[in-house]
C-alpha atoms as a PDB file:
ATOM      1  CA  ALA A   1       8.171 -17.232   8.084  1.00  0.00           C
ATOM      2  CA  THR A   2       8.624 -13.745   7.120  1.00  0.00           C
ATOM      3  CA  GLY A   3       8.077 -12.013   3.728  1.00  0.00           C
ATOM      4  CA  SER A   4       8.381  -9.105   1.998  1.00  0.00           C
ATOM      5  CA  GLY A   5       6.446  -7.207  -1.081  1.00  0.00           C
ATOM      6  CA  MET A   6       6.415  -3.400  -2.364  1.00  0.00           C
ATOM      7  CA  GLU A   7       3.707  -1.004  -2.666  1.00  0.00           C
ATOM      8  CA  LEU A   8       2.591   1.152  -5.835  1.00  0.00           C
ATOM      9  CA  ASP A   9       0.007   3.880  -6.319  1.00  0.00           C
ATOM     10  CA  VAL A  10      -1.365   4.182  -9.907  1.00  0.00           C
ATOM     11  CA  HIS A  11      -3.317   6.923 -11.978  1.00  0.00           C
ATOM     12  CA  ARG A  12      -4.598   6.598 -15.234  1.00  0.00           C
ATOM     13  CA  THR A  13      -3.656   8.950 -18.262  1.00  0.00           C
ATOM     14  CA  ILE A  14      -6.171  10.950 -20.236  1.00  0.00           C
ATOM     15  CA  ASP A  15      -5.758   7.771 -22.972  1.00  0.00           C
ATOM     16  CA  GLY A  16      -6.610   5.251 -20.393  1.00  0.00           C
ATOM     17  CA  GLN A  17      -2.872   4.151 -19.456  1.00  0.00           C
ATOM     18  CA  LEU A  18      -2.304   2.719 -16.072  1.00  0.00           C
ATOM     19  CA  VAL A  19       0.582   4.308 -14.597  1.00  0.00           C
ATOM     20  CA  VAL A  20       2.676   4.541 -11.244  1.00  0.00           C
ATOM     21  CA  ILE A  21       3.301   7.511  -9.687  1.00  0.00           C
ATOM     22  CA  HIS A  22       2.544   8.775  -6.216  1.00  0.00           C
ATOM     23  CA  ASP A  23       1.218  12.129  -6.693  1.00  0.00           C
ATOM     24  CA  SER A  24      -2.241  13.170  -8.691  1.00  0.00           C
ATOM     25  CA  THR A  25       0.384  15.781 -10.514  1.00  0.00           C
ATOM     26  CA  LEU A  26       3.617  15.783 -12.231  1.00  0.00           C
ATOM     27  CA  ASP A  27       5.091  18.606 -10.518  1.00  0.00           C
ATOM     28  CA  ARG A  28       6.620  17.472  -7.416  1.00  0.00           C
ATOM     29  CA  THR A  29       8.482  13.660  -8.831  1.00  0.00           C
ATOM     30  CA  THR A  30       9.270  14.831 -12.398  1.00  0.00           C
ATOM     31  CA  ASN A  31      10.298  17.778 -14.521  1.00  0.00           C
ATOM     32  CA  GLY A  32       6.948  18.133 -15.879  1.00  0.00           C
ATOM     33  CA  SER A  33       3.692  19.848 -15.036  1.00  0.00           C
ATOM     34  CA  GLY A  34       0.115  19.469 -14.993  1.00  0.00           C
ATOM     35  CA  ALA A  35      -2.404  16.657 -13.793  1.00  0.00           C
ATOM     36  CA  VAL A  36      -1.735  13.073 -14.648  1.00  0.00           C
ATOM     37  CA  ALA A  37      -5.217  12.587 -15.309  1.00  0.00           C
ATOM     38  CA  ASN A  38      -4.795  15.121 -18.514  1.00  0.00           C
ATOM     39  CA  LYS A  39      -1.474  13.792 -19.936  1.00  0.00           C
ATOM     40  CA  THR A  40      -1.527  11.288 -22.473  1.00  0.00           C
ATOM     41  CA  LEU A  41       1.261   7.742 -21.402  1.00  0.00           C
ATOM     42  CA  ASP A  42       3.708   9.867 -23.996  1.00  0.00           C
ATOM     43  CA  GLU A  43       3.934  12.452 -22.464  1.00  0.00           C
ATOM     44  CA  ILE A  44       4.520  11.224 -19.238  1.00  0.00           C
ATOM     45  CA  ARG A  45       6.978   8.340 -20.758  1.00  0.00           C
ATOM     46  CA  GLY A  46       9.173  11.643 -21.833  1.00  0.00           C
ATOM     47  CA  LEU A  47       9.699  12.692 -18.646  1.00  0.00           C
ATOM     48  CA  ASP A  48      12.750  12.600 -16.180  1.00  0.00           C
ATOM     49  CA  ALA A  49      11.158  10.919 -13.060  1.00  0.00           C
ATOM     50  CA  GLY A  50      14.843   9.997 -10.969  1.00  0.00           C
ATOM     51  CA  SER A  51      16.816  13.449 -11.153  1.00  0.00           C
ATOM     52  CA  TRP A  52      14.373  14.808  -7.728  1.00  0.00           C
ATOM     53  CA  PHE A  53      15.437  11.765  -6.058  1.00  0.00           C
ATOM     54  CA  SER A  54      18.801  11.722  -6.661  1.00  0.00           C
ATOM     55  CA  LYS A  55      21.536  12.491 -10.006  1.00  0.00           C
ATOM     56  CA  GLN A  56      22.130   8.819  -9.624  1.00  0.00           C
ATOM     57  CA  TYR A  57      18.093   8.182 -10.813  1.00  0.00           C
ATOM     58  CA  ARG A  58      18.868  10.558 -13.739  1.00  0.00           C
ATOM     59  CA  ALA A  59      16.028  10.075 -16.608  1.00  0.00           C
ATOM     60  CA  GLU A  60      14.590   7.426 -14.933  1.00  0.00           C
ATOM     61  CA  ARG A  61      10.892   6.701 -17.124  1.00  0.00           C
ATOM     62  CA  ILE A  62       7.324   6.630 -14.896  1.00  0.00           C
ATOM     63  CA  PRO A  63       6.086   2.805 -15.370  1.00  0.00           C
ATOM     64  CA  THR A  64       2.993   1.702 -15.886  1.00  0.00           C
ATOM     65  CA  LEU A  65       1.308  -0.409 -14.096  1.00  0.00           C
ATOM     66  CA  ARG A  66       2.100  -3.781 -16.197  1.00  0.00           C
ATOM     67  CA  GLU A  67       5.856  -2.699 -16.548  1.00  0.00           C
ATOM     68  CA  ALA A  68       5.827  -2.884 -12.419  1.00  0.00           C
ATOM     69  CA  LEU A  69       3.959  -5.899 -11.940  1.00  0.00           C
ATOM     70  CA  ARG A  70       6.274  -7.639 -14.754  1.00  0.00           C
ATOM     71  CA  LEU A  71       9.163  -6.428 -12.169  1.00  0.00           C
ATOM     72  CA  ALA A  72       7.926  -7.479  -8.494  1.00  0.00           C
ATOM     73  CA  ARG A  73       6.658 -10.643 -10.029  1.00  0.00           C
ATOM     74  CA  GLY A  74       7.835 -13.851  -7.810  1.00  0.00           C
ATOM     75  CA  ARG A  75       9.512 -11.502  -5.744  1.00  0.00           C
ATOM     76  CA  GLY A  76       6.838 -11.095  -3.040  1.00  0.00           C
ATOM     77  CA  LEU A  77       3.676  -9.257  -2.246  1.00  0.00           C
ATOM     78  CA  VAL A  78       2.314  -6.066  -4.325  1.00  0.00           C
ATOM     79  CA  MET A  79       0.162  -3.399  -2.723  1.00  0.00           C
ATOM     80  CA  VAL A  80      -1.523  -1.716  -5.328  1.00  0.00           C
ATOM     81  CA  GLU A  81      -3.253   1.689  -3.955  1.00  0.00           C
ATOM     82  CA  LEU A  82      -5.619   2.794  -6.376  1.00  0.00           C
ATOM     83  CA  LYS A  83      -5.605   6.494  -5.820  1.00  0.00           C
ATOM     84  CA  VAL A  84      -8.392   7.367  -8.012  1.00  0.00           C
ATOM     85  CA  PRO A  85     -11.974   5.800  -8.598  1.00  0.00           C
ATOM     86  CA  GLY A  86     -13.315   4.146 -11.911  1.00  0.00           C
ATOM     87  CA  ILE A  87     -10.093   2.397 -12.418  1.00  0.00           C
ATOM     88  CA  ALA A  88     -10.722  -1.041 -10.532  1.00  0.00           C
ATOM     89  CA  ARG A  89     -12.226  -3.248 -13.279  1.00  0.00           C
ATOM     90  CA  GLN A  90      -9.131  -2.025 -15.595  1.00  0.00           C
ATOM     91  CA  VAL A  91      -6.803  -2.571 -12.573  1.00  0.00           C
ATOM     92  CA  GLY A  92      -8.261  -5.529 -11.997  1.00  0.00           C
ATOM     93  CA  GLU A  93      -7.609  -6.782 -15.532  1.00  0.00           C
ATOM     94  CA  GLU A  94      -3.566  -5.949 -15.633  1.00  0.00           C
ATOM     95  CA  ILE A  95      -3.176  -7.740 -12.590  1.00  0.00           C
ATOM     96  CA  ALA A  96      -5.253 -11.357 -13.793  1.00  0.00           C
ATOM     97  CA  GLY A  97      -3.122 -10.299 -17.218  1.00  0.00           C
ATOM     98  CA  GLU A  98      -0.062 -10.741 -15.700  1.00  0.00           C
ATOM     99  CA  ARG A  99      -1.161 -14.012 -13.513  1.00  0.00           C
ATOM    100  CA  MET A 100      -0.745 -12.216 -10.309  1.00  0.00           C
ATOM    101  CA  LEU A 101      -4.412 -12.950  -8.405  1.00  0.00           C
ATOM    102  CA  ASP A 102      -2.672 -14.570  -5.092  1.00  0.00           C
ATOM    103  CA  ASP A 103       0.406 -11.759  -5.474  1.00  0.00           C
ATOM    104  CA  VAL A 104      -1.484  -8.499  -5.063  1.00  0.00           C
ATOM    105  CA  ILE A 105      -3.587  -6.754  -2.446  1.00  0.00           C
ATOM    106  CA  ILE A 106      -5.759  -3.918  -3.610  1.00  0.00           C
ATOM    107  CA  THR A 107      -5.901  -0.709  -1.435  1.00  0.00           C
ATOM    108  CA  GLY A 108      -7.396   3.064  -1.199  1.00  0.00           C
ATOM    109  CA  THR A 109     -10.622   4.420   0.387  1.00  0.00           C
ATOM    110  CA  ARG A 110     -13.450   3.676   1.333  1.00  0.00           C
ATOM    111  CA  ASP A 111     -14.937   4.284  -2.316  1.00  0.00           C
ATOM    112  CA  VAL A 112     -12.208   3.265  -3.832  1.00  0.00           C
ATOM    113  CA  LEU A 113     -12.395  -0.439  -2.121  1.00  0.00           C
ATOM    114  CA  ILE A 114     -16.431  -0.564  -2.481  1.00  0.00           C
ATOM    115  CA  GLU A 115     -15.520  -0.320  -5.585  1.00  0.00           C
ATOM    116  CA  ALA A 116     -12.488  -2.893  -5.991  1.00  0.00           C
ATOM    117  CA  ARG A 117     -15.140  -5.334  -4.309  1.00  0.00           C
ATOM    118  CA  GLN A 118     -17.558  -5.068  -6.308  1.00  0.00           C
ATOM    119  CA  GLU A 119     -15.291  -4.994  -9.718  1.00  0.00           C
ATOM    120  CA  CYS A 120     -12.794  -7.235  -8.470  1.00  0.00           C
ATOM    121  CA  PRO A 121     -14.061  -9.453  -5.658  1.00  0.00           C
ATOM    122  CA  HIS A 122     -11.543 -12.636  -5.397  1.00  0.00           C
ATOM    123  CA  PHE A 123      -8.811 -10.072  -4.359  1.00  0.00           C
ATOM    124  CA  THR A 124      -7.513  -9.185  -0.838  1.00  0.00           C
ATOM    125  CA  THR A 125      -8.275  -6.237  -0.023  1.00  0.00           C
ATOM    126  CA  TYR A 126      -6.860  -3.581   2.560  1.00  0.00           C
ATOM    127  CA  LEU A 127      -7.794  -0.406   5.074  1.00  0.00           C
ATOM    128  CA  ALA A 128      -5.329   1.918   5.675  1.00  0.00           C
ATOM    129  CA  GLY A 129      -6.253   3.892   8.563  1.00  0.00           C
ATOM    130  CA  SER A 130      -4.531   6.410  11.469  1.00  0.00           C
ATOM    131  CA  TRP A 131      -6.935   5.797  14.400  1.00  0.00           C
ATOM    132  CA  GLY A 132      -6.180   8.454  16.603  1.00  0.00           C
ATOM    133  CA  ASP A 133      -3.025   9.762  18.970  1.00  0.00           C
ATOM    134  CA  SER A 134      -3.849   8.023  21.843  1.00  0.00           C
ATOM    135  CA  LEU A 135      -4.752   4.512  22.841  1.00  0.00           C
ATOM    136  CA  CYS A 136      -7.822   5.516  24.062  1.00  0.00           C
ATOM    137  CA  GLN A 137      -8.371   6.935  21.079  1.00  0.00           C
ATOM    138  CA  ALA A 138      -7.557   4.294  19.176  1.00  0.00           C
ATOM    139  CA  ASN A 139      -9.660   2.031  21.122  1.00  0.00           C
ATOM    140  CA  LEU A 140     -13.047   3.830  20.008  1.00  0.00           C
ATOM    141  CA  LEU A 141     -12.155   4.185  16.143  1.00  0.00           C
ATOM    142  CA  VAL A 142     -10.714   0.619  15.674  1.00  0.00           C
ATOM    143  CA  GLY A 143     -14.170  -0.983  16.707  1.00  0.00           C
ATOM    144  CA  GLU A 144     -16.402   1.804  14.443  1.00  0.00           C
ATOM    145  CA  HIS A 145     -14.148   0.889  11.409  1.00  0.00           C
ATOM    146  CA  LEU A 146     -14.225  -2.457  12.121  1.00  0.00           C
ATOM    147  CA  ASP A 147     -17.796  -2.802  12.094  1.00  0.00           C
ATOM    148  CA  TRP A 148     -17.471  -1.210   8.169  1.00  0.00           C
ATOM    149  CA  VAL A 149     -14.484  -3.678   7.035  1.00  0.00           C
ATOM    150  CA  VAL A 150     -16.029  -6.864   8.224  1.00  0.00           C
ATOM    151  CA  ALA A 151     -19.152  -5.198   5.976  1.00  0.00           C
ATOM    152  CA  ASN A 152     -17.334  -5.085   3.398  1.00  0.00           C
ATOM    153  CA  GLY A 153     -15.634  -7.759   2.950  1.00  0.00           C
ATOM    154  CA  ILE A 154     -12.155  -6.132   3.567  1.00  0.00           C
ATOM    155  CA  ARG A 155      -9.631  -8.402   4.585  1.00  0.00           C
ATOM    156  CA  ILE A 156      -6.700  -6.483   6.105  1.00  0.00           C
ATOM    157  CA  MET A 157      -6.940  -3.285   8.386  1.00  0.00           C
ATOM    158  CA  GLY A 158      -3.974  -1.204   8.768  1.00  0.00           C
ATOM    159  CA  ILE A 159      -3.317   0.045  12.050  1.00  0.00           C
ATOM    160  CA  SER A 160      -0.979   3.090  13.429  1.00  0.00           C
ATOM    161  CA  ILE A 161       2.137   1.247  14.956  1.00  0.00           C
ATOM    162  CA  TYR A 162       2.263   3.921  17.552  1.00  0.00           C
ATOM    163  CA  THR A 163      -1.600   3.425  19.122  1.00  0.00           C
ATOM    164  CA  LEU A 164      -1.700  -0.896  18.364  1.00  0.00           C
ATOM    165  CA  SER A 165      -2.174  -2.687  21.471  1.00  0.00           C
ATOM    166  CA  ASP A 166      -2.894  -6.354  22.404  1.00  0.00           C
ATOM    167  CA  PRO A 167      -6.454  -5.423  23.076  1.00  0.00           C
ATOM    168  CA  ILE A 168      -7.049  -4.075  19.632  1.00  0.00           C
ATOM    169  CA  LEU A 169      -5.367  -7.181  18.068  1.00  0.00           C
ATOM    170  CA  GLU A 170      -7.352  -9.503  19.873  1.00  0.00           C
ATOM    171  CA  MET A 171     -10.507  -7.115  18.647  1.00  0.00           C
ATOM    172  CA  CYS A 172      -9.740  -7.629  15.122  1.00  0.00           C
ATOM    173  CA  ARG A 173      -8.546 -11.184  14.855  1.00  0.00           C
ATOM    174  CA  CYS A 174     -11.513 -12.300  16.936  1.00  0.00           C
ATOM    175  CA  ARG A 175     -14.244 -10.692  13.607  1.00  0.00           C
ATOM    176  CA  GLY A 176     -11.409 -12.602  11.369  1.00  0.00           C
ATOM    177  CA  VAL A 177      -9.101  -9.542  10.312  1.00  0.00           C
ATOM    178  CA  THR A 178      -5.699  -9.304   9.682  1.00  0.00           C
ATOM    179  CA  VAL A 179      -4.077  -6.397  11.334  1.00  0.00           C
ATOM    180  CA  TRP A 180      -0.742  -5.267  10.029  1.00  0.00           C
ATOM    181  CA  GLY A 181       0.995  -1.960  11.633  1.00  0.00           C
ATOM    182  CA  SER A 182       1.214   0.954   9.511  1.00  0.00           C
ATOM    183  CA  ARG A 183       4.046   2.661   9.439  1.00  0.00           C
ATOM    184  CA  ALA A 184       6.669   4.128  11.138  1.00  0.00           C
ATOM    185  CA  LEU A 185       8.503   6.671   9.133  1.00  0.00           C
ATOM    186  CA  ALA A 186      11.816   6.935  11.458  1.00  0.00           C
ATOM    187  CA  PRO A 187      11.259   4.910  14.245  1.00  0.00           C
ATOM    188  CA  THR A 188      14.369   3.381  16.340  1.00  0.00           C
ATOM    189  CA  ASP A 189      15.149  -0.137  16.178  1.00  0.00           C
ATOM    190  CA  GLY A 190      13.796  -0.558  20.288  1.00  0.00           C
ATOM    191  CA  GLU A 191      10.979   0.874  18.278  1.00  0.00           C
ATOM    192  CA  ILE A 192      11.015  -1.679  15.416  1.00  0.00           C
ATOM    193  CA  SER A 193      11.900  -4.481  17.856  1.00  0.00           C
ATOM    194  CA  ASP A 194       8.156  -4.049  20.017  1.00  0.00           C
ATOM    195  CA  PHE A 195       6.301  -3.464  17.128  1.00  0.00           C
ATOM    196  CA  LEU A 196       7.622  -7.164  16.113  1.00  0.00           C
ATOM    197  CA  SER A 197       6.769  -8.115  19.546  1.00  0.00           C
ATOM    198  CA  LEU A 198       3.212  -7.421  19.026  1.00  0.00           C
ATOM    199  CA  GLY A 199       2.983 -10.724  16.970  1.00  0.00           C
ATOM    200  CA  LEU A 200       1.353  -8.210  14.101  1.00  0.00           C
ATOM    201  CA  ASP A 201       0.597  -9.963  10.711  1.00  0.00           C
ATOM    202  CA  GLY A 202       2.386  -7.587   8.404  1.00  0.00           C
ATOM    203  CA  LEU A 203       4.305  -4.429   8.908  1.00  0.00           C
ATOM    204  CA  LEU A 204       4.203  -1.034   6.377  1.00  0.00           C
ATOM    205  CA  THR A 205       7.582   0.904   6.716  1.00  0.00           C
ATOM    206  CA  ASP A 206       9.472   3.416   4.420  1.00  0.00           C
ATOM    207  CA  VAL A 207      12.885   2.003   6.161  1.00  0.00           C
ATOM    208  CA  PRO A 208      12.490  -1.664   5.091  1.00  0.00           C
ATOM    209  CA  ALA A 209      16.211  -2.148   5.333  1.00  0.00           C
ATOM    210  CA  GLN A 210      16.490  -1.225   8.964  1.00  0.00           C
ATOM    211  CA  VAL A 211      13.303  -3.609   9.786  1.00  0.00           C
ATOM    212  CA  VAL A 212      15.264  -6.442   8.188  1.00  0.00           C
ATOM    213  CA  LYS A 213      18.177  -5.550  10.431  1.00  0.00           C
ATOM    214  CA  VAL A 214      16.006  -5.645  13.450  1.00  0.00           C
ATOM    215  CA  MET A 215      14.668  -8.923  12.332  1.00  0.00           C
ATOM    216  CA  ARG A 216      17.702 -10.701  11.725  1.00  0.00           C
ATOM    217  CA  LYS A 217      19.075  -9.761  15.355  1.00  0.00           C
ATOM    218  CA  PRO A 218      19.024 -13.092  17.420  1.00  0.00           C
ATOM    219  CA  GLY A 219      16.111 -14.184  19.114  1.00  0.00           C
ATOM    220  CA  GLN A 220      14.032 -11.230  17.434  1.00  0.00           C
ATOM    221  CA  ILE A 221      11.892 -13.904  15.528  1.00  0.00           C
END
């Protein structure tokens, strides 16, 4: 069986509203400037968050977390990255309010994940990581980080798809940790096929359409 989902990033405005935006500042992806944390929701609502990407999306607005969750409901998993500390409880309350506890995976830095585990222990949590540039480095680093993941109740660990190997997968699974491949920016179809053949539990990618195309090839899955 296969499934799909989306990943989004959450910051909090100065008036305490959770909004979905990757950067901590508005400069790169909107026609505004300054820190998200220093703006009110009304100020952020007035910005154009689409033109930077394409004229087709001119006048798109930054959504709140609730709006994004409602749009995603029933369409697959939602990975919510907490970009700043101190918002885990509020994020948890909004997810619970939308009755999406089983549809959300929480991710972030180690400190954020510890906070999330304390405030929302019922959520599935994911630690992303880039474990070196070689299989040798990856084997050393995964073992070190795996101890932390297990000790803190993290359910899923993301590992660079370029350093994944069968021994690393086995090491994680023997400790009860689910493994996702973490992301390839511009893979070839052949590389995607190789990644899928590893039997990963999940794959984060910036090219989902390409991955789906490869998955649909006869004999791939």
